[in-house]
Amino acid sequence: MNLSRKNFIKTVGLGAVAAGTSSFAAIGKTINKTIEDHELTIGLASYTLRKYSLDEVIEIVQRLNIKDVAFKSFHLPYESTNEELRQITAKVKARGLNLYGGGVMYMKTPEDVETYFNYAKTAGLKMIIGAPKHDLLPQIEKKVKETDIILAIHNHGPEDEIFPSPKSIYDKIQHLDPRIGLCIDTGHTFRLNLDVASEIKKYKDRLYDVHIKDIDEQIPEGKSVEIGRGKMDIPSIMKALKEIKYKGVLGVEYEKDGDHAVYGLTESVGYLRGVLKLV
């Protein structure tokens, strides 16, 4: 069946997600839960839908019953005027969504720090998901204290010389204001040959955001795939997050096939909801 993007957006939704989780629910009835029940929130890192318009993103997440989103600049442009930023934020809120953060924002200069914190403040963001240079951390700490905006530093894996791993972040920020913490990217962490669940537990006191994805092989060159089709132990990650009583958002970041990402996103969300019925 040849579905256009518009028609697929109209037909996809809770039915598709429920179909992907029914078998999990049946299995879950036979499994004894060992982790104290703790709800996890599935959200969206909007880089997933980078080829889709703002209106399409809103419609897709509503049909997938997702409430919490962090916008990349594709959907909350950096070059927007203050009024435009407020209008986008108001539009998202009016549709029942929580625009809790934005990024990843790359901070290479002092001017970048000022620009992105002003942008976040104007848009009403509670969190910046960022990737700053080390020497900017004192200035960032000052801005965090001024604005009360959380900075969650994102690790980018083996290619990243600044913050490749969760440890590389924690070592630099552990003595800074507690509102400066981590956004652990599960895929990039996995490509470093690290156990993601263990990393989550190690840095639980500063874990403010999670980008959840799956990777086909645990090698530096590993590629993003639909969550549940890769080599990552997704259930162990969910158990670790429940165990530490993680209160942030699980931002689904499906990077494969940007032109048709809604298909893989739907499958990924369905798989995650199925896993959460078991752990």
C-alpha atoms as a PDB file:
ATOM      1  CA  MET A   1       0.000   0.000   0.000  1.00  0.00           C
ATOM      2  CA  ASN A   2       1.444   3.340  -1.048  1.00  0.00           C
ATOM      3  CA  LEU A   3       0.833   5.852   1.737  1.00  0.00           C
ATOM      4  CA  SER A   4       1.704   9.499   1.359  1.00  0.00           C
ATOM      5  CA  ARG A   5       3.271  11.220   4.351  1.00  0.00           C
ATOM      6  CA  LYS A   6       0.049  13.148   4.943  1.00  0.00           C
ATOM      7  CA  ASN A   7      -2.144  10.053   4.834  1.00  0.00           C
ATOM      8  CA  PHE A   8       0.239   8.084   7.019  1.00  0.00           C
ATOM      9  CA  ILE A   9       0.203  10.815   9.648  1.00  0.00           C
ATOM     10  CA  LYS A  10      -3.602  10.669   9.588  1.00  0.00           C
ATOM     11  CA  THR A  11      -3.761   6.893  10.015  1.00  0.00           C
ATOM     12  CA  VAL A  12      -0.849   6.225  12.356  1.00  0.00           C
ATOM     13  CA  GLY A  13      -1.379   6.604  16.067  1.00  0.00           C
ATOM     14  CA  LEU A  14      -2.423   4.758  19.161  1.00  0.00           C
ATOM     15  CA  GLY A  15      -3.762   1.823  17.173  1.00  0.00           C
ATOM     16  CA  ALA A  16      -0.381   1.192  15.583  1.00  0.00           C
ATOM     17  CA  VAL A  17       1.427   1.599  18.860  1.00  0.00           C
ATOM     18  CA  ALA A  18      -1.003  -0.678  20.676  1.00  0.00           C
ATOM     19  CA  ALA A  19      -0.571  -3.343  18.004  1.00  0.00           C
ATOM     20  CA  GLY A  20       3.149  -3.260  18.618  1.00  0.00           C
ATOM     21  CA  THR A  21       2.733  -3.781  22.356  1.00  0.00           C
ATOM     22  CA  SER A  22      -0.022  -6.385  22.655  1.00  0.00           C
ATOM     23  CA  SER A  23       2.349  -9.345  22.727  1.00  0.00           C
ATOM     24  CA  PHE A  24       4.427  -7.664  25.394  1.00  0.00           C
ATOM     25  CA  ALA A  25       1.345  -7.200  27.551  1.00  0.00           C
ATOM     26  CA  ALA A  26       0.480 -10.880  27.332  1.00  0.00           C
ATOM     27  CA  ILE A  27       3.991 -11.946  28.233  1.00  0.00           C
ATOM     28  CA  GLY A  28       4.152  -9.391  31.001  1.00  0.00           C
ATOM     29  CA  LYS A  29       1.343 -11.130  32.913  1.00  0.00           C
ATOM     30  CA  THR A  30       3.637 -14.110  33.462  1.00  0.00           C
ATOM     31  CA  ILE A  31       6.652 -12.168  34.686  1.00  0.00           C
ATOM     32  CA  ASN A  32       7.200 -11.156  38.292  1.00  0.00           C
ATOM     33  CA  LYS A  33       8.244  -7.526  38.573  1.00  0.00           C
ATOM     34  CA  THR A  34      11.369  -7.069  40.635  1.00  0.00           C
ATOM     35  CA  ILE A  35      11.685  -3.293  40.338  1.00  0.00           C
ATOM     36  CA  GLU A  36       9.499  -1.017  42.426  1.00  0.00           C
ATOM     37  CA  ASP A  37       6.923   0.498  40.100  1.00  0.00           C
ATOM     38  CA  HIS A  38       8.046   3.852  38.778  1.00  0.00           C
ATOM     39  CA  GLU A  39       6.540   5.560  35.774  1.00  0.00           C
ATOM     40  CA  LEU A  40       8.824   6.639  32.939  1.00  0.00           C
ATOM     41  CA  THR A  41       7.877   9.344  30.458  1.00  0.00           C
ATOM     42  CA  ILE A  42       8.396   8.690  26.754  1.00  0.00           C
ATOM     43  CA  GLY A  43       8.969  11.911  24.864  1.00  0.00           C
ATOM     44  CA  LEU A  44      10.514  13.075  21.615  1.00  0.00           C
ATOM     45  CA  ALA A  45      13.801  14.669  20.628  1.00  0.00           C
ATOM     46  CA  SER A  46      12.553  16.473  17.542  1.00  0.00           C
ATOM     47  CA  TYR A  47      15.745  15.844  15.544  1.00  0.00           C
ATOM     48  CA  THR A  48      13.938  12.576  14.758  1.00  0.00           C
ATOM     49  CA  LEU A  49      11.418  14.528  12.652  1.00  0.00           C
ATOM     50  CA  ARG A  50      13.900  17.016  11.208  1.00  0.00           C
ATOM     51  CA  LYS A  51      12.406  16.694   7.712  1.00  0.00           C
ATOM     52  CA  TYR A  52       8.879  17.415   8.980  1.00  0.00           C
ATOM     53  CA  SER A  53       7.224  20.771   9.563  1.00  0.00           C
ATOM     54  CA  LEU A  54       6.258  22.038  13.005  1.00  0.00           C
ATOM     55  CA  ASP A  55       2.594  21.348  12.312  1.00  0.00           C
ATOM     56  CA  GLU A  56       3.392  17.795  11.196  1.00  0.00           C
ATOM     57  CA  VAL A  57       5.489  17.198  14.313  1.00  0.00           C
ATOM     58  CA  ILE A  58       2.656  18.363  16.550  1.00  0.00           C
ATOM     59  CA  GLU A  59       0.157  16.105  14.776  1.00  0.00           C
ATOM     60  CA  ILE A  60       2.468  13.080  14.883  1.00  0.00           C
ATOM     61  CA  VAL A  61       3.251  13.319  18.589  1.00  0.00           C
ATOM     62  CA  GLN A  62      -0.402  13.858  19.422  1.00  0.00           C
ATOM     63  CA  ARG A  63      -1.365  10.704  17.520  1.00  0.00           C
ATOM     64  CA  LEU A  64       1.367   8.797  19.344  1.00  0.00           C
ATOM     65  CA  ASN A  65       0.086  10.176  22.667  1.00  0.00           C
ATOM     66  CA  ILE A  66       3.412  11.853  23.403  1.00  0.00           C
ATOM     67  CA  LYS A  67       3.234  14.999  25.529  1.00  0.00           C
ATOM     68  CA  ASP A  68       6.855  15.947  26.236  1.00  0.00           C
ATOM     69  CA  VAL A  69       9.092  17.266  23.473  1.00  0.00           C
ATOM     70  CA  ALA A  70      12.510  18.866  23.138  1.00  0.00           C
ATOM     71  CA  PHE A  71      12.837  20.879  19.957  1.00  0.00           C
ATOM     72  CA  LYS A  72      15.826  21.072  17.683  1.00  0.00           C
ATOM     73  CA  SER A  73      16.256  24.304  15.722  1.00  0.00           C
ATOM     74  CA  PHE A  74      14.325  22.834  12.776  1.00  0.00           C
ATOM     75  CA  HIS A  75      11.162  23.444  14.790  1.00  0.00           C
ATOM     76  CA  LEU A  76      12.252  26.325  17.030  1.00  0.00           C
ATOM     77  CA  PRO A  77      14.663  28.259  14.788  1.00  0.00           C
ATOM     78  CA  TYR A  78      17.574  30.058  16.402  1.00  0.00           C
ATOM     79  CA  GLU A  79      17.131  32.980  14.031  1.00  0.00           C
ATOM     80  CA  SER A  80      13.545  33.588  15.184  1.00  0.00           C
ATOM     81  CA  THR A  81      12.618  36.913  16.683  1.00  0.00           C
ATOM     82  CA  ASN A  82      11.584  36.976  20.333  1.00  0.00           C
ATOM     83  CA  GLU A  83       7.956  37.293  19.271  1.00  0.00           C
ATOM     84  CA  GLU A  84       8.250  34.324  16.912  1.00  0.00           C
ATOM     85  CA  LEU A  85       9.771  32.191  19.662  1.00  0.00           C
ATOM     86  CA  ARG A  86       6.900  33.075  21.985  1.00  0.00           C
ATOM     87  CA  GLN A  87       4.353  32.300  19.271  1.00  0.00           C
ATOM     88  CA  ILE A  88       5.826  28.845  18.609  1.00  0.00           C
ATOM     89  CA  THR A  89       5.913  28.054  22.313  1.00  0.00           C
ATOM     90  CA  ALA A  90       2.313  29.232  22.738  1.00  0.00           C
ATOM     91  CA  LYS A  91       1.188  27.152  19.752  1.00  0.00           C
ATOM     92  CA  VAL A  92       2.810  23.997  21.143  1.00  0.00           C
ATOM     93  CA  LYS A  93       1.333  24.587  24.602  1.00  0.00           C
ATOM     94  CA  ALA A  94      -2.111  25.241  23.159  1.00  0.00           C
ATOM     95  CA  ARG A  95      -1.986  21.792  21.543  1.00  0.00           C
ATOM     96  CA  GLY A  96      -1.399  20.201  24.946  1.00  0.00           C
ATOM     97  CA  LEU A  97       2.336  19.577  24.640  1.00  0.00           C
ATOM     98  CA  ASN A  98       5.138  20.275  27.100  1.00  0.00           C
ATOM     99  CA  LEU A  99       8.103  21.888  25.365  1.00  0.00           C
ATOM    100  CA  TYR A 100      10.534  21.097  28.163  1.00  0.00           C
ATOM    101  CA  GLY A 101      13.828  21.698  26.388  1.00  0.00           C
ATOM    102  CA  GLY A 102      15.785  22.447  23.269  1.00  0.00           C
ATOM    103  CA  GLY A 103      18.929  21.282  21.587  1.00  0.00           C
ATOM    104  CA  VAL A 104      21.469  19.979  21.081  1.00  0.00           C
ATOM    105  CA  MET A 105      22.955  23.500  21.202  1.00  0.00           C
ATOM    106  CA  TYR A 106      26.663  23.685  20.382  1.00  0.00           C
ATOM    107  CA  MET A 107      28.455  26.368  22.386  1.00  0.00           C
ATOM    108  CA  LYS A 108      31.872  27.222  21.005  1.00  0.00           C
ATOM    109  CA  THR A 109      32.239  30.856  22.035  1.00  0.00           C
ATOM    110  CA  PRO A 110      31.145  33.143  24.888  1.00  0.00           C
ATOM    111  CA  GLU A 111      28.725  34.745  22.439  1.00  0.00           C
ATOM    112  CA  ASP A 112      27.115  31.355  21.828  1.00  0.00           C
ATOM    113  CA  VAL A 113      26.457  30.968  25.547  1.00  0.00           C
ATOM    114  CA  GLU A 114      24.708  34.328  25.733  1.00  0.00           C
ATOM    115  CA  THR A 115      22.744  33.687  22.545  1.00  0.00           C
ATOM    116  CA  TYR A 116      21.447  30.251  23.517  1.00  0.00           C
ATOM    117  CA  PHE A 117      20.528  31.124  27.085  1.00  0.00           C
ATOM    118  CA  ASN A 118      18.636  34.198  25.855  1.00  0.00           C
ATOM    119  CA  TYR A 119      16.920  32.037  23.232  1.00  0.00           C
ATOM    120  CA  ALA A 120      15.924  29.441  25.838  1.00  0.00           C
ATOM    121  CA  LYS A 121      14.700  32.056  28.296  1.00  0.00           C
ATOM    122  CA  THR A 122      12.584  33.804  25.652  1.00  0.00           C
ATOM    123  CA  ALA A 123      11.073  30.509  24.499  1.00  0.00           C
ATOM    124  CA  GLY A 124      10.327  29.489  28.080  1.00  0.00           C
ATOM    125  CA  LEU A 125      12.502  26.373  27.962  1.00  0.00           C
ATOM    126  CA  LYS A 126      13.314  24.730  31.285  1.00  0.00           C
ATOM    127  CA  MET A 127      16.340  22.913  29.907  1.00  0.00           C
ATOM    128  CA  ILE A 128      19.092  23.392  27.376  1.00  0.00           C
ATOM    129  CA  ILE A 129      20.534  20.195  25.957  1.00  0.00           C
ATOM    130  CA  GLY A 130      23.994  21.396  25.104  1.00  0.00           C
ATOM    131  CA  ALA A 131      27.482  20.586  23.948  1.00  0.00           C
ATOM    132  CA  PRO A 132      29.787  23.351  25.238  1.00  0.00           C
ATOM    133  CA  LYS A 133      33.543  23.676  25.102  1.00  0.00           C
ATOM    134  CA  HIS A 134      35.229  23.023  28.437  1.00  0.00           C
ATOM    135  CA  ASP A 135      36.499  26.564  28.907  1.00  0.00           C
ATOM    136  CA  LEU A 136      32.941  27.946  28.738  1.00  0.00           C
ATOM    137  CA  LEU A 137      31.707  26.062  31.810  1.00  0.00           C
ATOM    138  CA  PRO A 138      32.373  28.925  34.292  1.00  0.00           C
ATOM    139  CA  GLN A 139      30.331  31.308  32.126  1.00  0.00           C
ATOM    140  CA  ILE A 140      27.621  28.659  31.732  1.00  0.00           C
ATOM    141  CA  GLU A 141      27.449  28.163  35.488  1.00  0.00           C
ATOM    142  CA  LYS A 142      26.867  31.895  35.892  1.00  0.00           C
ATOM    143  CA  LYS A 143      24.050  31.838  33.319  1.00  0.00           C
ATOM    144  CA  VAL A 144      22.437  28.820  34.965  1.00  0.00           C
ATOM    145  CA  LYS A 145      22.377  30.686  38.267  1.00  0.00           C
ATOM    146  CA  GLU A 146      20.929  33.794  36.602  1.00  0.00           C
ATOM    147  CA  THR A 147      18.199  32.053  34.607  1.00  0.00           C
ATOM    148  CA  ASP A 148      17.474  28.845  36.565  1.00  0.00           C
ATOM    149  CA  ILE A 149      17.655  26.977  33.252  1.00  0.00           C
ATOM    150  CA  ILE A 150      19.109  23.467  33.508  1.00  0.00           C
ATOM    151  CA  LEU A 151      21.988  22.580  31.211  1.00  0.00           C
ATOM    152  CA  ALA A 152      22.113  18.870  30.318  1.00  0.00           C
ATOM    153  CA  ILE A 153      25.378  18.177  28.502  1.00  0.00           C
ATOM    154  CA  HIS A 154      25.023  15.626  25.711  1.00  0.00           C
ATOM    155  CA  ASN A 155      27.751  13.045  25.027  1.00  0.00           C
ATOM    156  CA  HIS A 156      28.455  12.326  21.369  1.00  0.00           C
ATOM    157  CA  GLY A 157      30.466   9.119  21.348  1.00  0.00           C
ATOM    158  CA  PRO A 158      33.840   8.075  19.975  1.00  0.00           C
ATOM    159  CA  GLU A 159      34.122  10.853  17.383  1.00  0.00           C
ATOM    160  CA  ASP A 160      33.660  13.599  19.980  1.00  0.00           C
ATOM    161  CA  GLU A 161      36.881  15.021  21.423  1.00  0.00           C
ATOM    162  CA  ILE A 162      35.083  17.211  23.989  1.00  0.00           C
ATOM    163  CA  PHE A 163      32.420  15.064  25.664  1.00  0.00           C
ATOM    164  CA  PRO A 164      32.454  11.511  24.256  1.00  0.00           C
ATOM    165  CA  SER A 165      31.142   9.677  27.335  1.00  0.00           C
ATOM    166  CA  PRO A 166      28.993  10.301  30.400  1.00  0.00           C
ATOM    167  CA  LYS A 167      32.136  10.139  32.565  1.00  0.00           C
ATOM    168  CA  SER A 168      33.831  12.844  30.511  1.00  0.00           C
ATOM    169  CA  ILE A 169      30.899  15.123  31.354  1.00  0.00           C
ATOM    170  CA  TYR A 170      30.594  14.201  35.010  1.00  0.00           C
ATOM    171  CA  ASP A 171      34.297  14.736  35.663  1.00  0.00           C
ATOM    172  CA  LYS A 172      33.998  18.331  34.442  1.00  0.00           C
ATOM    173  CA  ILE A 173      30.708  19.310  36.114  1.00  0.00           C
ATOM    174  CA  GLN A 174      30.520  17.413  39.406  1.00  0.00           C
ATOM    175  CA  HIS A 175      31.682  20.442  41.405  1.00  0.00           C
ATOM    176  CA  LEU A 176      29.587  22.977  39.477  1.00  0.00           C
ATOM    177  CA  ASP A 177      26.052  24.149  40.192  1.00  0.00           C
ATOM    178  CA  PRO A 178      23.807  21.066  40.485  1.00  0.00           C
ATOM    179  CA  ARG A 179      21.593  22.371  37.686  1.00  0.00           C
ATOM    180  CA  ILE A 180      24.411  21.449  35.291  1.00  0.00           C
ATOM    181  CA  GLY A 181      24.172  17.758  34.480  1.00  0.00           C
ATOM    182  CA  LEU A 182      23.985  15.093  31.820  1.00  0.00           C
ATOM    183  CA  CYS A 183      21.908  14.127  28.823  1.00  0.00           C
ATOM    184  CA  ILE A 184      23.024  10.552  28.292  1.00  0.00           C
ATOM    185  CA  ASP A 185      22.715   9.476  24.687  1.00  0.00           C
ATOM    186  CA  THR A 186      22.236   5.711  24.831  1.00  0.00           C
ATOM    187  CA  GLY A 187      23.439   5.131  21.272  1.00  0.00           C
ATOM    188  CA  HIS A 188      26.661   7.103  21.509  1.00  0.00           C
ATOM    189  CA  THR A 189      27.364   5.548  24.905  1.00  0.00           C
ATOM    190  CA  PHE A 190      26.796   2.050  23.478  1.00  0.00           C
ATOM    191  CA  ARG A 191      29.177   2.750  20.581  1.00  0.00           C
ATOM    192  CA  LEU A 192      31.907   3.381  23.172  1.00  0.00           C
ATOM    193  CA  ASN A 193      31.491  -0.266  24.254  1.00  0.00           C
ATOM    194  CA  LEU A 194      29.994   0.807  27.575  1.00  0.00           C
ATOM    195  CA  ASP A 195      27.081  -0.755  29.425  1.00  0.00           C
ATOM    196  CA  VAL A 196      24.393   1.897  29.207  1.00  0.00           C
ATOM    197  CA  ALA A 197      22.442   0.730  32.265  1.00  0.00           C
ATOM    198  CA  SER A 198      25.584   0.899  34.406  1.00  0.00           C
ATOM    199  CA  GLU A 199      26.386   4.394  33.151  1.00  0.00           C
ATOM    200  CA  ILE A 200      22.888   5.552  34.043  1.00  0.00           C
ATOM    201  CA  LYS A 201      23.290   4.268  37.598  1.00  0.00           C
ATOM    202  CA  LYS A 202      26.754   5.805  38.016  1.00  0.00           C
ATOM    203  CA  TYR A 203      25.628   9.318  37.169  1.00  0.00           C
ATOM    204  CA  LYS A 204      22.062   9.255  38.482  1.00  0.00           C
ATOM    205  CA  ASP A 205      22.540  12.320  40.688  1.00  0.00           C
ATOM    206  CA  ARG A 206      23.128  14.547  37.641  1.00  0.00           C
ATOM    207  CA  LEU A 207      21.030  12.790  35.005  1.00  0.00           C
ATOM    208  CA  TYR A 208      18.499  15.282  33.629  1.00  0.00           C
ATOM    209  CA  ASP A 209      17.742  13.973  30.151  1.00  0.00           C
ATOM    210  CA  VAL A 210      18.091  10.777  28.112  1.00  0.00           C
ATOM    211  CA  HIS A 211      18.180  10.366  24.352  1.00  0.00           C
ATOM    212  CA  ILE A 212      17.002   6.820  23.746  1.00  0.00           C
ATOM    213  CA  LYS A 213      17.898   5.031  20.520  1.00  0.00           C
ATOM    214  CA  ASP A 214      19.105   1.617  19.344  1.00  0.00           C
ATOM    215  CA  ILE A 215      22.258   0.644  17.419  1.00  0.00           C
ATOM    216  CA  ASP A 216      22.884  -2.296  15.100  1.00  0.00           C
ATOM    217  CA  GLU A 217      26.369  -3.193  16.413  1.00  0.00           C
ATOM    218  CA  GLN A 218      28.388  -2.268  19.507  1.00  0.00           C
ATOM    219  CA  ILE A 219      31.239  -0.754  17.540  1.00  0.00           C
ATOM    220  CA  PRO A 220      32.232   2.874  16.932  1.00  0.00           C
ATOM    221  CA  GLU A 221      30.699   2.662  13.451  1.00  0.00           C
ATOM    222  CA  GLY A 222      27.367   1.311  14.743  1.00  0.00           C
ATOM    223  CA  LYS A 223      24.280   2.668  12.968  1.00  0.00           C
ATOM    224  CA  SER A 224      20.931   3.806  14.326  1.00  0.00           C
ATOM    225  CA  VAL A 225      18.011   1.412  13.824  1.00  0.00           C
ATOM    226  CA  GLU A 226      14.434   1.135  15.069  1.00  0.00           C
ATOM    227  CA  ILE A 227      14.405   0.646  18.835  1.00  0.00           C
ATOM    228  CA  GLY A 228      14.167  -3.074  19.488  1.00  0.00           C
ATOM    229  CA  ARG A 229      15.905  -4.136  16.273  1.00  0.00           C
ATOM    230  CA  GLY A 230      19.446  -3.398  17.411  1.00  0.00           C
ATOM    231  CA  LYS A 231      21.941  -4.915  19.831  1.00  0.00           C
ATOM    232  CA  MET A 232      21.265  -2.716  22.855  1.00  0.00           C
ATOM    233  CA  ASP A 233      19.687  -4.256  25.957  1.00  0.00           C
ATOM    234  CA  ILE A 234      16.726  -1.907  26.102  1.00  0.00           C
ATOM    235  CA  PRO A 235      14.979  -3.690  29.025  1.00  0.00           C
ATOM    236  CA  SER A 236      18.105  -3.307  31.197  1.00  0.00           C
ATOM    237  CA  ILE A 237      18.132   0.429  30.451  1.00  0.00           C
ATOM    238  CA  MET A 238      14.467   0.756  31.406  1.00  0.00           C
ATOM    239  CA  LYS A 239      15.082  -1.182  34.626  1.00  0.00           C
ATOM    240  CA  ALA A 240      18.032   1.051  35.509  1.00  0.00           C
ATOM    241  CA  LEU A 241      15.960   4.195  34.964  1.00  0.00           C
ATOM    242  CA  LYS A 242      13.160   2.833  37.128  1.00  0.00           C
ATOM    243  CA  GLU A 243      15.629   1.757  39.795  1.00  0.00           C
ATOM    244  CA  ILE A 244      17.117   5.253  40.099  1.00  0.00           C
ATOM    245  CA  LYS A 245      13.595   6.736  39.949  1.00  0.00           C
ATOM    246  CA  TYR A 246      14.494   8.840  36.945  1.00  0.00           C
ATOM    247  CA  LYS A 247      12.118  11.795  36.719  1.00  0.00           C
ATOM    248  CA  GLY A 248      13.150  13.193  33.364  1.00  0.00           C
ATOM    249  CA  VAL A 249      12.013  12.414  29.841  1.00  0.00           C
ATOM    250  CA  LEU A 250      13.048   9.515  27.608  1.00  0.00           C
ATOM    251  CA  GLY A 251      13.519  11.491  24.423  1.00  0.00           C
ATOM    252  CA  VAL A 252      13.188   9.090  21.501  1.00  0.00           C
ATOM    253  CA  GLU A 253      15.802  10.050  18.911  1.00  0.00           C
ATOM    254  CA  TYR A 254      15.383   7.911  15.825  1.00  0.00           C
ATOM    255  CA  GLU A 255      18.059   9.031  13.376  1.00  0.00           C
ATOM    256  CA  LYS A 256      17.548   6.590  10.509  1.00  0.00           C
ATOM    257  CA  ASP A 257      15.710   7.586   7.321  1.00  0.00           C
ATOM    258  CA  GLY A 258      14.875  11.209   8.085  1.00  0.00           C
ATOM    259  CA  ASP A 259      12.531  11.523   5.104  1.00  0.00           C
ATOM    260  CA  HIS A 260      10.220   8.808   6.453  1.00  0.00           C
ATOM    261  CA  ALA A 261      11.099   8.852  10.150  1.00  0.00           C
ATOM    262  CA  VAL A 262       7.492   8.622  11.338  1.00  0.00           C
ATOM    263  CA  TYR A 263       7.464   4.894  10.500  1.00  0.00           C
ATOM    264  CA  GLY A 264      10.505   4.036  12.605  1.00  0.00           C
ATOM    265  CA  LEU A 265       9.430   6.424  15.337  1.00  0.00           C
ATOM    266  CA  THR A 266       6.053   4.692  15.640  1.00  0.00           C
ATOM    267  CA  GLU A 267       7.676   1.262  15.840  1.00  0.00           C
ATOM    268  CA  SER A 268      10.203   2.500  18.400  1.00  0.00           C
ATOM    269  CA  VAL A 269       7.565   4.044  20.653  1.00  0.00           C
ATOM    270  CA  GLY A 270       5.494   0.871  20.478  1.00  0.00           C
ATOM    271  CA  TYR A 271       8.480  -1.261  21.446  1.00  0.00           C
ATOM    272  CA  LEU A 272       9.375   0.983  24.389  1.00  0.00           C
ATOM    273  CA  ARG A 273       5.813   0.918  25.694  1.00  0.00           C
ATOM    274  CA  GLY A 274       5.833  -2.833  25.393  1.00  0.00           C
ATOM    275  CA  VAL A 275       9.074  -3.141  27.346  1.00  0.00           C
ATOM    276  CA  LEU A 276       7.730  -0.869  30.064  1.00  0.00           C
ATOM    277  CA  LYS A 277       4.896  -3.334  30.615  1.00  0.00           C
ATOM    278  CA  LEU A 278       7.478  -5.941  31.550  1.00  0.00           C
ATOM    279  CA  VAL A 279      10.048  -4.204  33.719  1.00  0.00           C
END
